[in-house]
C-alpha atoms as a PDB file:
ATOM      1  CA  ALA A   1     123.385  63.024  85.774  1.00  0.00           C
ATOM      2  CA  LEU A   2     119.800  64.104  86.451  1.00  0.00           C
ATOM      3  CA  ILE A   3     120.834  67.327  88.196  1.00  0.00           C
ATOM      4  CA  GLY A   4     123.207  68.182  85.354  1.00  0.00           C
ATOM      5  CA  THR A   5     120.450  67.652  82.799  1.00  0.00           C
ATOM      6  CA  LEU A   6     118.052  69.836  84.787  1.00  0.00           C
ATOM      7  CA  LEU A   7     120.608  72.611  85.193  1.00  0.00           C
ATOM      8  CA  ALA A   8     121.411  72.532  81.488  1.00  0.00           C
ATOM      9  CA  HIS A   9     117.865  72.337  80.121  1.00  0.00           C
ATOM     10  CA  ALA A  10     115.237  73.309  82.708  1.00  0.00           C
ATOM     11  CA  ARG A  11     113.355  76.548  82.140  1.00  0.00           C
ATOM     12  CA  VAL A  12     112.144  78.798  84.933  1.00  0.00           C
ATOM     13  CA  THR A  13     109.376  81.357  84.590  1.00  0.00           C
ATOM     14  CA  LEU A  14     108.788  84.288  86.910  1.00  0.00           C
ATOM     15  CA  ASN A  15     105.149  85.279  86.933  1.00  0.00           C
ATOM     16  CA  PHE A  16     104.343  88.725  88.266  1.00  0.00           C
ATOM     17  CA  HIS A  17     102.394  91.906  87.566  1.00  0.00           C
ATOM     18  CA  PRO A  18     105.012  94.555  86.678  1.00  0.00           C
ATOM     19  CA  ASP A  19     102.530  97.423  87.059  1.00  0.00           C
ATOM     20  CA  ARG A  20     101.444  96.468  90.592  1.00  0.00           C
ATOM     21  CA  LEU A  21     102.139  99.225  93.133  1.00  0.00           C
ATOM     22  CA  LEU A  22     104.388  98.486  96.090  1.00  0.00           C
ATOM     23  CA  PRO A  23     104.077 100.098  99.505  1.00  0.00           C
ATOM     24  CA  SER A  24     106.415 103.096  99.188  1.00  0.00           C
ATOM     25  CA  ALA A  25     106.865 106.626 100.482  1.00  0.00           C
ATOM     26  CA  ASP A  26     105.569 108.178  97.253  1.00  0.00           C
ATOM     27  CA  GLY A  27     102.905 105.513  96.623  1.00  0.00           C
ATOM     28  CA  ARG A  28     103.950 105.231  92.975  1.00  0.00           C
ATOM     29  CA  THR A  29     106.702 102.588  92.972  1.00  0.00           C
ATOM     30  CA  THR A  30     105.809  99.575  90.840  1.00  0.00           C
ATOM     31  CA  VAL A  31     107.161  96.040  90.933  1.00  0.00           C
ATOM     32  CA  ALA A  32     108.979  96.807  87.645  1.00  0.00           C
ATOM     33  CA  ASP A  33     110.542  99.957  89.152  1.00  0.00           C
ATOM     34  CA  ARG A  34     111.897  98.010  92.124  1.00  0.00           C
ATOM     35  CA  LEU A  35     113.159  95.152  89.943  1.00  0.00           C
ATOM     36  CA  ALA A  36     114.957  97.612  87.639  1.00  0.00           C
ATOM     37  CA  ALA A  37     116.440  99.505  90.591  1.00  0.00           C
ATOM     38  CA  ASP A  38     117.958  96.577  92.467  1.00  0.00           C
ATOM     39  CA  GLY A  39     117.923  93.709  89.935  1.00  0.00           C
ATOM     40  CA  ARG A  40     116.471  91.295  92.472  1.00  0.00           C
ATOM     41  CA  TYR A  41     113.196  89.390  92.101  1.00  0.00           C
ATOM     42  CA  ARG A  42     111.336  89.464  95.412  1.00  0.00           C
ATOM     43  CA  GLY A  43     108.705  86.917  96.407  1.00  0.00           C
ATOM     44  CA  GLN A  44     105.245  87.625  97.751  1.00  0.00           C
ATOM     45  CA  TYR A  45     106.302  87.261 101.369  1.00  0.00           C
ATOM     46  CA  GLU A  46     108.892  90.003 101.015  1.00  0.00           C
ATOM     47  CA  THR A  47     106.733  92.403  98.982  1.00  0.00           C
ATOM     48  CA  GLY A  48     103.429  91.684 100.708  1.00  0.00           C
ATOM     49  CA  LEU A  49     101.765  91.410  97.282  1.00  0.00           C
ATOM     50  CA  SER A  50      99.956  88.341  96.046  1.00  0.00           C
ATOM     51  CA  ASN A  51      97.511  87.413  93.339  1.00  0.00           C
ATOM     52  CA  GLY A  52      96.532  84.404  95.410  1.00  0.00           C
ATOM     53  CA  SER A  53      97.027  83.167  98.945  1.00  0.00           C
ATOM     54  CA  ARG A  54      99.999  84.071 101.142  1.00  0.00           C
ATOM     55  CA  SER A  55      99.256  81.166 103.485  1.00  0.00           C
ATOM     56  CA  ALA A  56     102.149  78.858 102.556  1.00  0.00           C
ATOM     57  CA  HIS A  57     102.966  78.156 106.200  1.00  0.00           C
ATOM     58  CA  PRO A  58     102.451  74.587 107.483  1.00  0.00           C
ATOM     59  CA  GLY A  59      98.714  74.057 107.891  1.00  0.00           C
ATOM     60  CA  GLY A  60      97.797  77.126 105.818  1.00  0.00           C
ATOM     61  CA  LEU A  61      95.384  77.063 102.878  1.00  0.00           C
ATOM     62  CA  ARG A  62      98.154  77.187 100.290  1.00  0.00           C
ATOM     63  CA  ASP A  63     100.032  74.421 102.071  1.00  0.00           C
ATOM     64  CA  GLY A  64      96.904  72.261 101.791  1.00  0.00           C
ATOM     65  CA  TRP A  65      96.423  73.033  98.093  1.00  0.00           C
ATOM     66  CA  GLU A  66     100.031  72.198  97.296  1.00  0.00           C
ATOM     67  CA  GLU A  67      99.859  69.008  99.344  1.00  0.00           C
ATOM     68  CA  ALA A  68      96.812  67.912  97.345  1.00  0.00           C
ATOM     69  CA  LEU A  69      98.426  68.835  94.009  1.00  0.00           C
ATOM     70  CA  PHE A  70     101.856  67.339  94.585  1.00  0.00           C
END
C-alpha cells in the first residue's frame, strides 16, 4: 500500500543548470542541448559536472554528509 501511494503521489524534482557547458568537440554543447538531443537526464558522475561534491563513494565527503543527514 505504501509503495502504491508513493508511486501515485510522490513528486520528483531534477535540479540542474541547463546552460552549463559539457565537454564536447565544439566546446559549446550545454546540458539542455544534450537533454533535448537524447531525452535522457544524466547524473553528475556521467557528465563530470557538479555544483557540489562528486565524492559519493563509501568514505567520501558526500557519503559522510549524507550519513549525518539521513
